[in-house]
Amino acid sequence: MGSNQETEFPVIDFTQYPSNPSEISSQLFDAFHQWGFLVLKGHGIPKGDVEEIFSLSKEFFAQPLEAKQEKPLNLHGQGYDLKESMSATPPRISSTHPNTSPRIGVHEALCFGNITLSPDSNFAPFWTPQKRQTIESFRSKCQSLSALLFTALATQMRISPSFFTTPHNPHKPPGNALRLIHYHPLSNPPRKPDVTPRLCEHTDWGTMTFLFATEPGLEVQTPDGKSWVTAPVVDDAIVVNIADGLCLSTGKTLKSTVHRVTWDVVPWDKERFSVAFFVNANADAPIRVLEQSDAGKFVEKEGAVKATYGDYQNVRIKMIEKHDNHISDEEVAIDPVLWEMVKGLGAGVGEDLEKNDEEVRI
């Protein structure tokens, strides 16, 4: 770990966890409390496995656009997703503007939702059974790592070791998602780069995210919220961050931090590959909001609003994906009372909820 956690991006060696779980759990908690982000070394996912996923990603994205677009992203989180937000003055998205995706970013992705939740495959012929098995094996290892991190955080917070793992059954909806990402080069620079981002400023809406990258690109807000720092790329390490769902359930003790990718770091004529694994709590699991007692132990907050992660996820789908052409107002309708309830939980994107409240509310 760095000598000054408030100014240095946290880097933690997880190989010491089996022999010294108390110390490593403390480091994880402190980093997530202060930054919401950290670089994790010694995470246990073989380097060869990571390299194989990047190789598949590069091979897939090298195909012609028509081949990649054969299976566009569906509501199960499976398929190809192209973001080309080049409009300087984006229209409001609704059923009358079904094919626009403004101000989200400029990149393409191939998304793997949980195959056990959708019997119909939505993947192009490129993804043979053998390649799909490689993907699923990798996802399984990411899932196992997330369980270890959840257990370590629960131990440090002096709650049941299974407090966070119980609502994260990977075989229940909505499931975890693996996203292969390609920031593709453009033939011309964006007309208004200050309006059209590489990837907009945002927080993740699940509970935890892993990012695998081989070159810089991700920028993270510093703990004081006044500046940005490029997340370091450490060989055979991954970037881990807390997402809004876990921020909610810990009463903001674990921080969900705004992050982005800019044209300065990933220029218009360059490309960058990354792989993201998004951890999601089960839709039917209740959000058990924690607070810290005077004795320092975390306990369930009395009188906390009652909602499931599914309730929360529905609101976030409406807010985050309202610009995506595969989500229409008719497909995801939100009860205004529920909308206000989730706003009141105090998610890490509360300001965005406030700004976009009237724009996206049914």
Protein backbone atom coordinates (compact mmCIF):
# COMPACT_ATOMS: atom_id res chain seq x y z
CA MET A 1 0.00 0.00 0.00
CA GLY A 2 1.18 3.59 -0.67
CA SER A 3 2.47 5.69 2.23
CA ASN A 4 -0.27 8.32 1.98
CA GLN A 5 -3.62 6.82 1.15
CA GLU A 6 -5.28 10.19 0.54
CA THR A 7 -2.88 11.18 -2.24
CA GLU A 8 -1.56 7.90 -3.67
CA PHE A 9 -3.70 5.48 -5.65
CA PRO A 10 -3.97 2.37 -3.44
CA VAL A 11 -2.10 -0.74 -4.58
CA ILE A 12 -2.70 -3.89 -2.51
CA ASP A 13 -0.99 -7.28 -2.74
CA PHE A 14 -3.69 -9.90 -2.19
CA THR A 15 -1.22 -12.80 -2.02
CA GLN A 16 -0.83 -12.01 1.69
CA TYR A 17 -4.53 -12.48 2.43
CA PRO A 18 -4.44 -16.21 3.37
CA SER A 19 -1.59 -15.70 5.85
CA ASN A 20 -2.62 -12.28 7.16
CA PRO A 21 -6.34 -11.78 6.48
CA SER A 22 -6.80 -9.13 9.15
CA GLU A 23 -4.15 -6.78 7.73
CA ILE A 24 -5.20 -7.21 4.10
CA SER A 25 -8.89 -6.83 4.98
CA SER A 26 -8.04 -3.59 6.75
CA GLN A 27 -6.13 -2.32 3.71
CA LEU A 28 -9.02 -3.18 1.40
CA PHE A 29 -11.55 -1.45 3.62
CA ASP A 30 -9.44 1.69 4.01
CA ALA A 31 -8.84 1.96 0.26
CA PHE A 32 -12.50 1.47 -0.63
CA HIS A 33 -13.58 3.89 2.10
CA GLN A 34 -11.20 6.62 0.99
CA TRP A 35 -10.93 6.11 -2.78
CA GLY A 36 -13.55 3.57 -3.80
CA PHE A 37 -10.82 2.20 -6.08
CA LEU A 38 -7.65 0.15 -5.76
CA VAL A 39 -5.18 -1.86 -7.81
CA LEU A 40 -5.14 -5.51 -6.73
CA LYS A 41 -2.00 -7.57 -7.23
CA GLY A 42 -1.82 -11.30 -6.53
CA HIS A 43 -5.51 -11.75 -7.25
CA GLY A 44 -5.17 -15.41 -8.24
CA ILE A 45 -6.57 -15.25 -11.80
CA PRO A 46 -3.81 -16.72 -14.01
CA LYS A 47 -2.13 -14.23 -16.30
CA GLY A 48 -2.50 -16.67 -19.21
CA ASP A 49 -6.27 -16.67 -18.75
CA VAL A 50 -6.39 -12.88 -18.91
CA GLU A 51 -4.21 -12.85 -22.02
CA GLU A 52 -6.50 -15.40 -23.69
CA ILE A 53 -9.54 -13.17 -23.08
CA PHE A 54 -7.73 -10.18 -24.59
CA SER A 55 -6.74 -12.29 -27.58
CA LEU A 56 -10.37 -13.29 -28.18
CA SER A 57 -11.44 -9.67 -27.79
CA LYS A 58 -8.97 -8.38 -30.35
CA GLU A 59 -9.90 -11.15 -32.78
CA PHE A 60 -13.61 -10.40 -32.46
CA PHE A 61 -13.33 -6.64 -32.82
CA ALA A 62 -11.05 -6.99 -35.88
CA GLN A 63 -14.04 -8.34 -37.83
CA PRO A 64 -16.08 -6.19 -40.21
CA LEU A 65 -18.81 -4.14 -38.54
CA GLU A 66 -21.56 -6.17 -40.22
CA ALA A 67 -20.28 -9.38 -38.61
CA LYS A 68 -20.07 -7.79 -35.16
CA GLN A 69 -23.51 -6.22 -35.43
CA GLU A 70 -25.21 -9.49 -36.36
CA LYS A 71 -26.31 -9.95 -32.73
CA PRO A 72 -26.93 -6.54 -31.09
CA LEU A 73 -27.19 -6.17 -27.32
CA ASN A 74 -30.48 -7.42 -25.91
CA LEU A 75 -32.32 -6.97 -22.62
CA HIS A 76 -30.51 -9.98 -21.15
CA GLY A 77 -27.20 -8.14 -21.45
CA GLN A 78 -25.93 -10.30 -24.28
CA GLY A 79 -24.54 -9.16 -27.61
CA TYR A 80 -22.72 -6.38 -29.42
CA ASP A 81 -23.00 -2.79 -28.18
CA LEU A 82 -21.76 0.17 -30.24
CA LYS A 83 -21.51 3.62 -28.70
CA GLU A 84 -20.94 6.46 -31.15
CA SER A 85 -22.16 9.53 -29.32
CA MET A 86 -21.14 12.15 -31.83
CA SER A 87 -24.14 14.48 -31.48
CA ALA A 88 -23.25 17.89 -30.03
CA THR A 89 -26.81 18.56 -28.90
CA PRO A 90 -28.34 15.18 -28.12
CA PRO A 91 -32.11 14.78 -28.19
CA ARG A 92 -34.04 13.31 -25.34
CA ILE A 93 -34.31 9.57 -25.89
CA SER A 94 -37.77 8.09 -26.16
CA SER A 95 -39.74 5.85 -28.44
CA THR A 96 -39.58 8.62 -31.04
CA HIS A 97 -35.75 8.58 -31.01
CA PRO A 98 -34.98 4.86 -30.95
CA ASN A 99 -31.59 4.87 -32.61
CA THR A 100 -29.59 7.54 -30.82
CA SER A 101 -27.13 7.13 -27.97
CA PRO A 102 -25.79 10.57 -27.02
CA ARG A 103 -23.01 11.55 -24.65
CA ILE A 104 -22.31 8.07 -23.30
CA GLY A 105 -19.05 7.60 -25.14
CA VAL A 106 -17.31 6.42 -28.29
CA HIS A 107 -16.37 2.76 -28.12
CA GLU A 108 -17.71 -0.71 -28.88
CA ALA A 109 -18.27 -3.68 -26.61
CA LEU A 110 -19.29 -7.32 -26.58
CA CYS A 111 -21.37 -8.18 -23.53
CA PHE A 112 -21.85 -11.54 -21.84
CA GLY A 113 -24.83 -11.66 -19.52
CA ASN A 114 -25.37 -14.72 -17.36
CA ILE A 115 -26.10 -17.60 -19.75
CA THR A 116 -28.03 -19.51 -17.07
CA LEU A 117 -30.63 -16.74 -17.03
CA SER A 118 -31.35 -16.72 -20.76
CA PRO A 119 -31.76 -19.96 -22.72
CA ASP A 120 -31.37 -18.21 -26.07
CA SER A 121 -27.86 -17.38 -27.18
CA ASN A 122 -27.43 -13.93 -28.67
CA PHE A 123 -23.92 -14.29 -30.02
CA ALA A 124 -22.55 -14.27 -33.55
CA PRO A 125 -21.08 -17.47 -35.09
CA PHE A 126 -17.62 -16.23 -34.09
CA TRP A 127 -18.39 -17.35 -30.55
CA THR A 128 -18.02 -21.11 -30.89
CA PRO A 129 -18.84 -23.39 -27.92
CA GLN A 130 -15.12 -23.63 -27.13
CA LYS A 131 -14.71 -19.84 -27.05
CA ARG A 132 -17.87 -19.48 -24.96
CA GLN A 133 -16.48 -22.02 -22.49
CA THR A 134 -13.30 -19.94 -22.21
CA ILE A 135 -15.42 -16.90 -21.39
CA GLU A 136 -17.50 -18.75 -18.80
CA SER A 137 -14.44 -20.20 -17.11
CA PHE A 138 -12.95 -16.73 -16.82
CA ARG A 139 -16.21 -15.33 -15.44
CA SER A 140 -16.28 -18.07 -12.83
CA LYS A 141 -12.81 -17.11 -11.60
CA CYS A 142 -13.84 -13.47 -11.39
CA GLN A 143 -16.90 -14.50 -9.39
CA SER A 144 -14.74 -16.47 -6.93
CA LEU A 145 -12.45 -13.49 -6.45
CA SER A 146 -15.39 -11.17 -5.78
CA ALA A 147 -16.60 -13.57 -3.06
CA LEU A 148 -13.20 -13.41 -1.36
CA LEU A 149 -13.23 -9.60 -1.42
CA PHE A 150 -16.79 -9.45 -0.07
CA THR A 151 -15.79 -11.80 2.77
CA ALA A 152 -12.72 -9.73 3.59
CA LEU A 153 -14.78 -6.53 3.76
CA ALA A 154 -17.43 -8.15 5.94
CA THR A 155 -14.75 -9.41 8.32
CA GLN A 156 -13.22 -5.96 8.65
CA MET A 157 -16.64 -4.45 9.28
CA ARG A 158 -17.29 -7.04 12.04
CA ILE A 159 -20.43 -8.43 10.46
CA SER A 160 -21.23 -11.97 9.33
CA PRO A 161 -18.63 -13.14 6.77
CA SER A 162 -21.53 -14.10 4.46
CA PHE A 163 -23.33 -10.74 4.75
CA PHE A 164 -22.28 -9.64 1.25
CA THR A 165 -21.86 -13.05 -0.41
CA THR A 166 -25.38 -14.28 0.42
CA PRO A 167 -27.14 -11.78 -1.91
CA HIS A 168 -24.62 -12.53 -4.68
CA ASN A 169 -25.67 -15.95 -5.95
CA PRO A 170 -24.25 -15.91 -9.52
CA HIS A 171 -27.03 -18.18 -10.80
CA LYS A 172 -29.86 -15.83 -9.87
CA PRO A 173 -30.91 -12.74 -11.85
CA PRO A 174 -29.65 -10.36 -12.95
CA GLY A 175 -26.32 -12.21 -12.80
CA ASN A 176 -22.83 -10.85 -13.29
CA ALA A 177 -21.68 -9.45 -16.62
CA LEU A 178 -18.42 -9.60 -18.55
CA ARG A 179 -17.83 -6.82 -21.06
CA LEU A 180 -15.08 -6.84 -23.68
CA ILE A 181 -14.38 -3.21 -24.56
CA HIS A 182 -12.67 -1.69 -27.59
CA TYR A 183 -12.03 2.05 -27.83
CA HIS A 184 -11.75 2.02 -31.59
CA PRO A 185 -9.79 4.61 -33.58
CA LEU A 186 -11.79 7.15 -35.58
CA SER A 187 -11.18 8.41 -39.09
CA ASN A 188 -11.60 12.00 -37.91
CA PRO A 189 -11.35 13.77 -34.55
CA PRO A 190 -14.64 14.46 -32.72
CA ARG A 191 -16.11 17.82 -33.64
CA LYS A 192 -16.74 18.79 -30.02
CA PRO A 193 -14.63 16.62 -27.71
CA ASP A 194 -15.79 18.59 -24.66
CA VAL A 195 -19.34 17.43 -25.39
CA THR A 196 -18.65 13.98 -26.83
CA PRO A 197 -16.57 11.90 -24.38
CA ARG A 198 -14.54 8.77 -24.95
CA LEU A 199 -16.47 7.44 -21.94
CA CYS A 200 -18.59 9.80 -19.88
CA GLU A 201 -18.10 10.53 -16.20
CA HIS A 202 -20.10 7.94 -14.30
CA THR A 203 -20.32 5.55 -11.39
CA ASP A 204 -21.08 1.84 -11.80
CA TRP A 205 -24.52 0.69 -10.70
CA GLY A 206 -23.81 -2.86 -9.54
CA THR A 207 -21.91 -3.66 -6.35
CA MET A 208 -18.29 -4.17 -7.48
CA THR A 209 -16.33 -3.95 -10.74
CA PHE A 210 -13.07 -5.51 -11.96
CA LEU A 211 -11.17 -3.84 -14.79
CA PHE A 212 -8.43 -5.63 -16.71
CA ALA A 213 -6.27 -3.34 -18.85
CA THR A 214 -2.79 -3.41 -20.34
CA GLU A 215 -2.38 0.33 -20.91
CA PRO A 216 -3.58 3.53 -19.21
CA GLY A 217 -7.00 4.99 -19.95
CA LEU A 218 -9.16 5.06 -16.84
CA GLU A 219 -9.26 8.30 -14.85
CA VAL A 220 -10.62 8.39 -11.30
CA GLN A 221 -11.69 11.31 -9.13
CA THR A 222 -9.43 11.91 -6.16
CA PRO A 223 -10.90 11.53 -2.65
CA ASP A 224 -11.48 15.28 -2.34
CA GLY A 225 -13.38 15.30 -5.65
CA LYS A 226 -11.32 18.22 -6.95
CA SER A 227 -9.08 16.53 -9.50
CA TRP A 228 -8.50 13.41 -11.57
CA VAL A 229 -5.78 10.76 -11.49
CA THR A 230 -5.03 8.10 -14.08
CA ALA A 231 -5.39 4.65 -12.57
CA PRO A 232 -1.97 2.99 -12.71
CA VAL A 233 -1.49 -0.06 -14.89
CA VAL A 234 0.42 -2.68 -12.91
CA ASP A 235 1.53 -5.88 -14.62
CA ASP A 236 -0.71 -8.84 -13.78
CA ALA A 237 -2.97 -6.71 -11.59
CA ILE A 238 -6.56 -5.52 -11.89
CA VAL A 239 -8.37 -2.35 -10.92
CA VAL A 240 -11.23 -2.97 -8.49
CA ASN A 241 -13.89 -0.43 -7.57
CA ILE A 242 -16.97 -0.20 -5.40
CA ALA A 243 -20.23 0.38 -7.28
CA ASP A 244 -23.39 2.17 -6.20
CA GLY A 245 -25.23 -0.89 -4.89
CA LEU A 246 -22.56 -1.59 -2.27
CA CYS A 247 -22.24 2.11 -1.53
CA LEU A 248 -25.98 2.09 -0.76
CA SER A 249 -25.94 -0.92 1.52
CA THR A 250 -22.97 0.36 3.53
CA GLY A 251 -24.46 3.81 4.07
CA LYS A 252 -21.76 5.34 1.82
CA THR A 253 -18.99 3.92 4.02
CA LEU A 254 -17.63 2.16 0.95
CA LYS A 255 -17.31 4.80 -1.71
CA SER A 256 -18.61 4.67 -5.28
CA THR A 257 -16.31 7.03 -7.16
CA VAL A 258 -16.84 8.87 -10.43
CA HIS A 259 -14.54 7.73 -13.24
CA ARG A 260 -14.13 8.34 -16.98
CA VAL A 261 -12.01 7.88 -20.10
CA THR A 262 -10.96 11.05 -21.95
CA TRP A 263 -9.68 11.85 -25.43
CA ASP A 264 -6.42 13.05 -23.87
CA VAL A 265 -5.65 9.62 -22.47
CA VAL A 266 -7.14 7.58 -25.35
CA PRO A 267 -6.83 9.85 -28.46
CA TRP A 268 -9.27 9.66 -31.36
CA ASP A 269 -6.73 7.99 -33.69
CA LYS A 270 -5.61 5.35 -31.16
CA GLU A 271 -7.24 2.20 -29.85
CA ARG A 272 -7.41 0.60 -26.42
CA PHE A 273 -8.73 -2.74 -25.20
CA SER A 274 -10.03 -3.51 -21.74
CA VAL A 275 -12.19 -6.12 -20.03
CA ALA A 276 -14.69 -5.30 -17.29
CA PHE A 277 -16.47 -7.70 -14.94
CA PHE A 278 -19.54 -6.22 -13.29
CA VAL A 279 -20.79 -7.84 -10.08
CA ASN A 280 -24.52 -7.52 -9.37
CA ALA A 281 -26.55 -8.43 -6.29
CA ASN A 282 -29.56 -10.71 -6.73
CA ALA A 283 -32.74 -8.90 -7.72
CA ASP A 284 -34.77 -10.57 -4.96
CA ALA A 285 -32.25 -9.77 -2.20
CA PRO A 286 -33.24 -7.04 0.24
CA ILE A 287 -30.96 -4.02 0.58
CA ARG A 288 -29.79 -4.20 4.19
CA VAL A 289 -28.45 -0.75 4.94
CA LEU A 290 -25.60 -0.62 7.46
CA GLU A 291 -24.40 2.08 9.81
CA GLN A 292 -21.48 2.18 12.21
CA SER A 293 -22.29 2.01 15.91
CA ASP A 294 -20.52 3.97 18.63
CA ALA A 295 -18.53 0.82 19.36
CA GLY A 296 -17.24 0.80 15.79
CA LYS A 297 -19.23 -2.24 14.70
CA PHE A 298 -21.48 -2.07 11.66
CA VAL A 299 -25.14 -2.88 12.31
CA GLU A 300 -28.33 -2.72 10.27
CA LYS A 301 -29.80 0.75 10.31
CA GLU A 302 -33.16 1.04 12.02
CA GLY A 303 -35.93 2.54 9.94
CA ALA A 304 -33.97 2.24 6.71
CA VAL A 305 -36.10 2.23 3.59
CA LYS A 306 -37.21 -1.23 2.53
CA ALA A 307 -36.33 -2.24 -1.01
CA THR A 308 -34.72 -5.06 -2.93
CA TYR A 309 -31.74 -4.79 -5.21
CA GLY A 310 -34.18 -5.50 -8.03
CA ASP A 311 -36.11 -2.35 -7.13
CA TYR A 312 -32.87 -0.41 -7.16
CA GLN A 313 -31.66 -2.00 -10.39
CA ASN A 314 -34.89 -1.08 -12.21
CA VAL A 315 -34.40 2.57 -11.35
CA ARG A 316 -30.75 2.50 -12.38
CA ILE A 317 -31.59 0.79 -15.68
CA LYS A 318 -34.00 3.61 -16.39
CA MET A 319 -31.46 6.27 -15.49
CA ILE A 320 -28.23 4.83 -16.91
CA GLU A 321 -29.60 3.15 -20.02
CA LYS A 322 -32.24 5.69 -20.97
CA HIS A 323 -29.95 6.76 -23.82
CA ASP A 324 -29.42 3.28 -25.22
CA ASN A 325 -31.42 2.30 -28.27
CA HIS A 326 -32.23 -1.12 -26.82
CA ILE A 327 -34.12 0.40 -23.87
CA SER A 328 -37.35 2.29 -24.54
CA ASP A 329 -39.65 4.11 -22.17
CA GLU A 330 -42.26 1.40 -22.69
CA GLU A 331 -39.85 -1.41 -21.82
CA VAL A 332 -38.72 0.03 -18.48
CA ALA A 333 -41.39 2.02 -16.64
CA ILE A 334 -40.68 3.29 -13.13
CA ASP A 335 -43.20 3.98 -10.40
CA PRO A 336 -42.64 7.61 -9.28
CA VAL A 337 -42.83 6.56 -5.63
CA LEU A 338 -40.11 3.97 -6.17
CA TRP A 339 -38.03 6.53 -8.04
CA GLU A 340 -38.14 8.88 -5.06
CA MET A 341 -37.38 6.01 -2.69
CA VAL A 342 -34.19 5.06 -4.51
CA LYS A 343 -33.12 8.71 -4.73
CA GLY A 344 -33.51 8.86 -0.96
CA LEU A 345 -31.14 5.95 -0.47
CA GLY A 346 -28.28 8.26 -1.41
CA ALA A 347 -26.55 6.48 -4.28
CA GLY A 348 -23.18 7.66 -5.48
CA VAL A 349 -24.89 9.21 -8.49
CA GLY A 350 -27.44 11.13 -6.48
CA GLU A 351 -26.60 14.36 -8.29
CA ASP A 352 -27.28 12.76 -11.65
CA LEU A 353 -30.59 11.44 -10.36
CA GLU A 354 -31.51 14.96 -9.34
CA LYS A 355 -30.43 16.51 -12.64
CA ASN A 356 -32.19 13.94 -14.80
CA ASP A 357 -35.26 13.43 -12.63
CA GLU A 358 -37.73 15.29 -14.80
CA GLU A 359 -36.07 14.20 -18.03
CA VAL A 360 -36.34 10.47 -17.46
CA ARG A 361 -39.34 10.05 -15.19
CA ILE A 362 -42.39 8.38 -16.79
